[in-house]
Amino acid sequence: AYFDCFSGASGDMILGACLGAGLAIDDLRKDLAGLRIEGYQLEATPVRKQGFAATQFDIQLDPAAHKPHRHLKHIREIVEASSLPQRVRDRALDIFTRLAEAEAAVHGTAVEKVHFHEVGAIDSIVDIVGVAVGFDLLGADLIISSSVPTGRGQVKIDHGICTVPTPGTVELLKGIPLVDVPVEAELTTPTGAAFLSTLVHRFG
């Protein structure tokens, strides 16, 4: 599999690309049901972007669903208690661990003390586990990526206003080749950066 990150990377972008590459939405729904978490629906819509056919992936959340801030151990408990294959669980937990390590580094704390804010929410859990499921079902044994654009400007996160790329994204992209794309937006999210830094075997 080759990531052509001409406009960055995020969870919904990568899952949309997996669906466009042949992953069946019903297979994704079936496997994610093994997480045994509720309060969401998956939507995949054919769209046209700048004249090109694409797949828009979206997670619709139930407004009444509980939205706790979780630690890595809570995420690990959810994933390990699932009925997903062990290789999928391992890949998903590798991504969550990379995120926790990056957050711990930028906040000056221990990995197990990191509060997952955005990433601990249902949609982010489904994003991350969904990507692990998707690449398993697609049978992608070798993953290569282009250089990665981060975008520019500022973005509002739980901690306030941050410069793009945010500190967590910077930490995750250390050692990964970047490319400058003059767009005032957050093109690569922390989740997208975690996918690339965990899943990709080489860049070029």
C-alpha atoms as a PDB file:
ATOM      1  CA  ALA A   1       0.000   0.000   0.000  1.00  0.00           C
ATOM      2  CA  TYR A   2       1.230   3.490  -0.813  1.00  0.00           C
ATOM      3  CA  PHE A   3       0.159   6.614   1.061  1.00  0.00           C
ATOM      4  CA  ASP A   4       0.167   9.595  -1.319  1.00  0.00           C
ATOM      5  CA  CYS A   5      -0.059  12.311   1.341  1.00  0.00           C
ATOM      6  CA  PHE A   6      -0.482  15.252  -1.019  1.00  0.00           C
ATOM      7  CA  SER A   7      -2.937  16.847   1.429  1.00  0.00           C
ATOM      8  CA  GLY A   8      -1.792  15.407   4.743  1.00  0.00           C
ATOM      9  CA  ALA A   9      -3.194  12.505   6.736  1.00  0.00           C
ATOM     10  CA  SER A  10      -5.977  11.922   9.260  1.00  0.00           C
ATOM     11  CA  GLY A  11      -8.037   8.985  10.454  1.00  0.00           C
ATOM     12  CA  ASP A  12     -11.074   9.654   8.294  1.00  0.00           C
ATOM     13  CA  MET A  13      -8.894  10.314   5.226  1.00  0.00           C
ATOM     14  CA  ILE A  14      -7.054   7.002   5.639  1.00  0.00           C
ATOM     15  CA  LEU A  15     -10.235   5.020   6.228  1.00  0.00           C
ATOM     16  CA  GLY A  16     -11.855   6.698   3.226  1.00  0.00           C
ATOM     17  CA  ALA A  17      -8.817   5.686   1.158  1.00  0.00           C
ATOM     18  CA  CYS A  18      -9.056   2.079   2.431  1.00  0.00           C
ATOM     19  CA  LEU A  19     -12.726   1.969   1.385  1.00  0.00           C
ATOM     20  CA  GLY A  20     -11.800   3.385  -2.015  1.00  0.00           C
ATOM     21  CA  ALA A  21      -9.091   0.713  -2.357  1.00  0.00           C
ATOM     22  CA  GLY A  22     -11.547  -2.142  -1.869  1.00  0.00           C
ATOM     23  CA  LEU A  23     -12.347  -2.412   1.840  1.00  0.00           C
ATOM     24  CA  ALA A  24     -16.083  -3.173   2.189  1.00  0.00           C
ATOM     25  CA  ILE A  25     -17.933  -0.921   4.647  1.00  0.00           C
ATOM     26  CA  ASP A  26     -20.033  -3.891   5.837  1.00  0.00           C
ATOM     27  CA  ASP A  27     -16.871  -5.872   6.655  1.00  0.00           C
ATOM     28  CA  LEU A  28     -15.524  -2.866   8.568  1.00  0.00           C
ATOM     29  CA  ARG A  29     -18.792  -2.534  10.512  1.00  0.00           C
ATOM     30  CA  LYS A  30     -18.811  -6.264  11.293  1.00  0.00           C
ATOM     31  CA  ASP A  31     -15.262  -6.294  12.662  1.00  0.00           C
ATOM     32  CA  LEU A  32     -15.648  -3.037  14.620  1.00  0.00           C
ATOM     33  CA  ALA A  33     -18.719  -4.520  16.320  1.00  0.00           C
ATOM     34  CA  GLY A  34     -16.183  -6.713  18.092  1.00  0.00           C
ATOM     35  CA  LEU A  35     -15.082  -3.646  20.096  1.00  0.00           C
ATOM     36  CA  ARG A  36     -18.409  -3.825  21.950  1.00  0.00           C
ATOM     37  CA  ILE A  37     -18.768  -0.048  22.184  1.00  0.00           C
ATOM     38  CA  GLU A  38     -21.940   1.760  21.207  1.00  0.00           C
ATOM     39  CA  GLY A  39     -23.035   5.276  20.328  1.00  0.00           C
ATOM     40  CA  TYR A  40     -21.806   5.596  16.737  1.00  0.00           C
ATOM     41  CA  GLN A  41     -22.687   4.844  13.112  1.00  0.00           C
ATOM     42  CA  LEU A  42     -20.302   4.539  10.152  1.00  0.00           C
ATOM     43  CA  GLU A  43     -21.075   6.367   6.912  1.00  0.00           C
ATOM     44  CA  ALA A  44     -19.243   6.101   3.582  1.00  0.00           C
ATOM     45  CA  THR A  45     -20.405   8.466   0.844  1.00  0.00           C
ATOM     46  CA  PRO A  46     -19.178   8.741  -2.774  1.00  0.00           C
ATOM     47  CA  VAL A  47     -18.118  12.359  -3.379  1.00  0.00           C
ATOM     48  CA  ARG A  48     -16.252  14.424  -5.966  1.00  0.00           C
ATOM     49  CA  LYS A  49     -13.315  16.558  -4.809  1.00  0.00           C
ATOM     50  CA  GLN A  50     -11.845  18.972  -7.351  1.00  0.00           C
ATOM     51  CA  GLY A  51     -13.395  16.827 -10.094  1.00  0.00           C
ATOM     52  CA  PHE A  52     -12.050  13.500  -8.795  1.00  0.00           C
ATOM     53  CA  ALA A  53     -14.127  10.631  -7.392  1.00  0.00           C
ATOM     54  CA  ALA A  54     -13.437   9.900  -3.733  1.00  0.00           C
ATOM     55  CA  THR A  55     -14.962   8.294  -0.630  1.00  0.00           C
ATOM     56  CA  GLN A  56     -15.940  10.484   2.328  1.00  0.00           C
ATOM     57  CA  PHE A  57     -15.778   8.454   5.531  1.00  0.00           C
ATOM     58  CA  ASP A  58     -17.591   9.764   8.581  1.00  0.00           C
ATOM     59  CA  ILE A  59     -18.448   8.587  12.077  1.00  0.00           C
ATOM     60  CA  GLN A  60     -21.835   9.800  13.283  1.00  0.00           C
ATOM     61  CA  LEU A  61     -21.915  10.018  17.089  1.00  0.00           C
ATOM     62  CA  ASP A  62     -24.976   9.659  19.273  1.00  0.00           C
ATOM     63  CA  PRO A  63     -25.192  13.019  21.128  1.00  0.00           C
ATOM     64  CA  ALA A  64     -26.247  11.145  24.271  1.00  0.00           C
ATOM     65  CA  ALA A  65     -23.197   8.846  24.226  1.00  0.00           C
ATOM     66  CA  HIS A  66     -20.849   9.073  27.222  1.00  0.00           C
ATOM     67  CA  LYS A  67     -17.572  10.861  26.372  1.00  0.00           C
ATOM     68  CA  PRO A  68     -15.051  10.113  29.118  1.00  0.00           C
ATOM     69  CA  HIS A  69     -11.399  11.166  29.062  1.00  0.00           C
ATOM     70  CA  ARG A  70      -9.494   7.893  28.982  1.00  0.00           C
ATOM     71  CA  HIS A  71      -5.958   6.810  29.885  1.00  0.00           C
ATOM     72  CA  LEU A  72      -3.971   4.328  27.807  1.00  0.00           C
ATOM     73  CA  LYS A  73      -4.901   1.523  30.206  1.00  0.00           C
ATOM     74  CA  HIS A  74      -8.612   2.136  29.549  1.00  0.00           C
ATOM     75  CA  ILE A  75      -8.038   2.000  25.785  1.00  0.00           C
ATOM     76  CA  ARG A  76      -5.992  -1.174  26.217  1.00  0.00           C
ATOM     77  CA  GLU A  77      -8.800  -2.782  28.231  1.00  0.00           C
ATOM     78  CA  ILE A  78     -11.366  -1.959  25.509  1.00  0.00           C
ATOM     79  CA  VAL A  79      -9.172  -3.320  22.712  1.00  0.00           C
ATOM     80  CA  GLU A  80      -7.989  -6.439  24.558  1.00  0.00           C
ATOM     81  CA  ALA A  81     -11.565  -7.297  25.590  1.00  0.00           C
ATOM     82  CA  SER A  82     -12.716  -7.168  21.963  1.00  0.00           C
ATOM     83  CA  SER A  83     -13.257 -10.163  19.698  1.00  0.00           C
ATOM     84  CA  LEU A  84     -10.871  -8.788  17.064  1.00  0.00           C
ATOM     85  CA  PRO A  85      -7.938 -10.946  15.868  1.00  0.00           C
ATOM     86  CA  GLN A  86      -4.824 -10.550  17.999  1.00  0.00           C
ATOM     87  CA  ARG A  87      -2.834  -9.082  15.077  1.00  0.00           C
ATOM     88  CA  VAL A  88      -5.438  -6.314  14.709  1.00  0.00           C
ATOM     89  CA  ARG A  89      -5.440  -5.641  18.448  1.00  0.00           C
ATOM     90  CA  ASP A  90      -1.640  -5.474  18.471  1.00  0.00           C
ATOM     91  CA  ARG A  91      -1.537  -3.017  15.556  1.00  0.00           C
ATOM     92  CA  ALA A  92      -4.210  -0.779  17.104  1.00  0.00           C
ATOM     93  CA  LEU A  93      -2.455  -0.769  20.477  1.00  0.00           C
ATOM     94  CA  ASP A  94       0.865   0.059  18.798  1.00  0.00           C
ATOM     95  CA  ILE A  95      -0.797   3.187  17.351  1.00  0.00           C
ATOM     96  CA  PHE A  96      -2.352   4.174  20.695  1.00  0.00           C
ATOM     97  CA  THR A  97       0.985   3.610  22.445  1.00  0.00           C
ATOM     98  CA  ARG A  98       2.784   5.842  19.921  1.00  0.00           C
ATOM     99  CA  LEU A  99       0.216   8.566  20.611  1.00  0.00           C
ATOM    100  CA  ALA A 100       0.619   8.179  24.369  1.00  0.00           C
ATOM    101  CA  GLU A 101       4.415   8.333  24.107  1.00  0.00           C
ATOM    102  CA  ALA A 102       4.223  11.530  22.040  1.00  0.00           C
ATOM    103  CA  GLU A 103       1.749  13.166  24.441  1.00  0.00           C
ATOM    104  CA  ALA A 104       3.880  12.142  27.437  1.00  0.00           C
ATOM    105  CA  ALA A 105       6.970  13.667  25.804  1.00  0.00           C
ATOM    106  CA  VAL A 106       5.343  17.045  25.056  1.00  0.00           C
ATOM    107  CA  HIS A 107       3.591  17.294  28.435  1.00  0.00           C
ATOM    108  CA  GLY A 108       6.547  16.061  30.489  1.00  0.00           C
ATOM    109  CA  THR A 109       4.700  13.188  32.144  1.00  0.00           C
ATOM    110  CA  ALA A 110       4.615   9.381  32.195  1.00  0.00           C
ATOM    111  CA  VAL A 111       2.891   7.408  29.440  1.00  0.00           C
ATOM    112  CA  GLU A 112       0.375   5.828  31.814  1.00  0.00           C
ATOM    113  CA  LYS A 113      -0.601   9.260  33.181  1.00  0.00           C
ATOM    114  CA  VAL A 114      -1.523  10.707  29.784  1.00  0.00           C
ATOM    115  CA  HIS A 115      -5.178  11.713  29.433  1.00  0.00           C
ATOM    116  CA  PHE A 116      -6.479  11.023  25.940  1.00  0.00           C
ATOM    117  CA  HIS A 117      -8.828  13.904  25.162  1.00  0.00           C
ATOM    118  CA  GLU A 118      -9.815  13.886  21.489  1.00  0.00           C
ATOM    119  CA  VAL A 119      -8.160  10.488  20.961  1.00  0.00           C
ATOM    120  CA  GLY A 120      -9.986   8.886  23.888  1.00  0.00           C
ATOM    121  CA  ALA A 121     -13.365   9.669  22.348  1.00  0.00           C
ATOM    122  CA  ILE A 122     -15.463   7.014  20.621  1.00  0.00           C
ATOM    123  CA  ASP A 123     -14.843   8.383  17.117  1.00  0.00           C
ATOM    124  CA  SER A 124     -11.061   8.336  17.536  1.00  0.00           C
ATOM    125  CA  ILE A 125     -11.088   4.813  18.979  1.00  0.00           C
ATOM    126  CA  VAL A 126     -13.176   3.673  16.003  1.00  0.00           C
ATOM    127  CA  ASP A 127     -10.824   5.552  13.616  1.00  0.00           C
ATOM    128  CA  ILE A 128      -7.687   3.918  14.989  1.00  0.00           C
ATOM    129  CA  VAL A 129      -9.052   0.402  15.364  1.00  0.00           C
ATOM    130  CA  GLY A 130     -10.810   0.804  12.000  1.00  0.00           C
ATOM    131  CA  VAL A 131      -7.503   1.514  10.250  1.00  0.00           C
ATOM    132  CA  ALA A 132      -5.942  -1.550  11.913  1.00  0.00           C
ATOM    133  CA  VAL A 133      -8.920  -3.618  10.717  1.00  0.00           C
ATOM    134  CA  GLY A 134      -8.792  -2.075   7.234  1.00  0.00           C
ATOM    135  CA  PHE A 135      -5.150  -2.826   6.545  1.00  0.00           C
ATOM    136  CA  ASP A 136      -5.594  -6.340   7.893  1.00  0.00           C
ATOM    137  CA  LEU A 137      -8.581  -7.012   5.600  1.00  0.00           C
ATOM    138  CA  LEU A 138      -6.797  -5.453   2.622  1.00  0.00           C
ATOM    139  CA  GLY A 139      -3.785  -7.684   3.277  1.00  0.00           C
ATOM    140  CA  ALA A 140      -1.281  -4.818   3.068  1.00  0.00           C
ATOM    141  CA  ASP A 141       2.007  -6.375   4.198  1.00  0.00           C
ATOM    142  CA  LEU A 142       4.272  -3.566   2.966  1.00  0.00           C
ATOM    143  CA  ILE A 143       3.307   0.072   3.486  1.00  0.00           C
ATOM    144  CA  ILE A 144       5.202   2.974   1.892  1.00  0.00           C
ATOM    145  CA  SER A 145       4.445   6.699   2.128  1.00  0.00           C
ATOM    146  CA  SER A 146       5.323   9.910   0.377  1.00  0.00           C
ATOM    147  CA  SER A 147       6.763  12.843   2.310  1.00  0.00           C
ATOM    148  CA  VAL A 148       4.217  14.404   4.643  1.00  0.00           C
ATOM    149  CA  PRO A 149       2.814  17.972   4.596  1.00  0.00           C
ATOM    150  CA  THR A 150       1.727  19.345   7.970  1.00  0.00           C
ATOM    151  CA  GLY A 151       0.006  22.582   6.924  1.00  0.00           C
ATOM    152  CA  ARG A 152       0.385  25.978   8.566  1.00  0.00           C
ATOM    153  CA  GLY A 153      -1.381  28.437  10.847  1.00  0.00           C
ATOM    154  CA  GLN A 154      -3.108  27.746  14.144  1.00  0.00           C
ATOM    155  CA  VAL A 155      -5.704  25.327  15.449  1.00  0.00           C
ATOM    156  CA  LYS A 156      -7.829  25.153  18.601  1.00  0.00           C
ATOM    157  CA  ILE A 157      -7.364  22.040  20.737  1.00  0.00           C
ATOM    158  CA  ASP A 158      -8.329  21.099  24.314  1.00  0.00           C
ATOM    159  CA  HIS A 159      -5.226  22.926  25.610  1.00  0.00           C
ATOM    160  CA  GLY A 160      -6.008  26.162  23.732  1.00  0.00           C
ATOM    161  CA  ILE A 161      -4.664  27.684  20.522  1.00  0.00           C
ATOM    162  CA  CYS A 162      -1.663  25.833  19.059  1.00  0.00           C
ATOM    163  CA  THR A 163       0.587  26.425  16.082  1.00  0.00           C
ATOM    164  CA  VAL A 164       0.325  23.898  13.244  1.00  0.00           C
ATOM    165  CA  PRO A 165       1.799  21.320  13.420  1.00  0.00           C
ATOM    166  CA  THR A 166       0.754  20.821  17.036  1.00  0.00           C
ATOM    167  CA  PRO A 167       3.364  19.604  19.556  1.00  0.00           C
ATOM    168  CA  GLY A 168       2.056  16.028  19.508  1.00  0.00           C
ATOM    169  CA  THR A 169       2.186  15.894  15.719  1.00  0.00           C
ATOM    170  CA  VAL A 170       5.736  17.295  15.744  1.00  0.00           C
ATOM    171  CA  GLU A 171       6.824  14.579  18.172  1.00  0.00           C
ATOM    172  CA  LEU A 172       5.205  11.831  16.082  1.00  0.00           C
ATOM    173  CA  LEU A 173       6.750  13.052  12.816  1.00  0.00           C
ATOM    174  CA  LYS A 174      10.345  13.151  14.098  1.00  0.00           C
ATOM    175  CA  GLY A 175      12.591  11.475  11.541  1.00  0.00           C
ATOM    176  CA  ILE A 176       9.852  11.410   8.886  1.00  0.00           C
ATOM    177  CA  PRO A 177      10.463  13.419   5.671  1.00  0.00           C
ATOM    178  CA  LEU A 178       8.161  16.449   5.394  1.00  0.00           C
ATOM    179  CA  VAL A 179       7.159  18.588   2.427  1.00  0.00           C
ATOM    180  CA  ASP A 180       5.993  22.195   2.493  1.00  0.00           C
ATOM    181  CA  VAL A 181       2.468  22.748   1.202  1.00  0.00           C
ATOM    182  CA  PRO A 182       1.409  26.414   1.624  1.00  0.00           C
ATOM    183  CA  VAL A 183      -2.057  25.739   3.053  1.00  0.00           C
ATOM    184  CA  GLU A 184      -3.345  27.538   6.154  1.00  0.00           C
ATOM    185  CA  ALA A 185      -4.847  24.457   7.839  1.00  0.00           C
ATOM    186  CA  GLU A 186      -3.947  21.422   9.935  1.00  0.00           C
ATOM    187  CA  LEU A 187      -3.317  18.921   7.134  1.00  0.00           C
ATOM    188  CA  THR A 188      -1.817  16.152   9.275  1.00  0.00           C
ATOM    189  CA  THR A 189      -3.506  15.433  12.604  1.00  0.00           C
ATOM    190  CA  PRO A 190      -1.874  13.681  15.569  1.00  0.00           C
ATOM    191  CA  THR A 191      -3.888  10.561  14.728  1.00  0.00           C
ATOM    192  CA  GLY A 192      -2.756  10.706  11.099  1.00  0.00           C
ATOM    193  CA  ALA A 193       0.853  11.189  12.212  1.00  0.00           C
ATOM    194  CA  ALA A 194       0.534   8.216  14.575  1.00  0.00           C
ATOM    195  CA  PHE A 195      -0.732   6.029  11.715  1.00  0.00           C
ATOM    196  CA  LEU A 196       2.169   7.012   9.484  1.00  0.00           C
ATOM    197  CA  SER A 197       4.861   6.667  12.140  1.00  0.00           C
ATOM    198  CA  THR A 198       3.535   3.264  13.259  1.00  0.00           C
ATOM    199  CA  LEU A 199       2.375   1.577  10.050  1.00  0.00           C
ATOM    200  CA  VAL A 200       4.761   2.816   7.358  1.00  0.00           C
ATOM    201  CA  HIS A 201       7.816   0.680   6.622  1.00  0.00           C
ATOM    202  CA  ARG A 202       9.604   3.302   4.545  1.00  0.00           C
ATOM    203  CA  PHE A 203       9.121   6.740   2.990  1.00  0.00           C
ATOM    204  CA  GLY A 204       9.926   7.654  -0.596  1.00  0.00           C
END
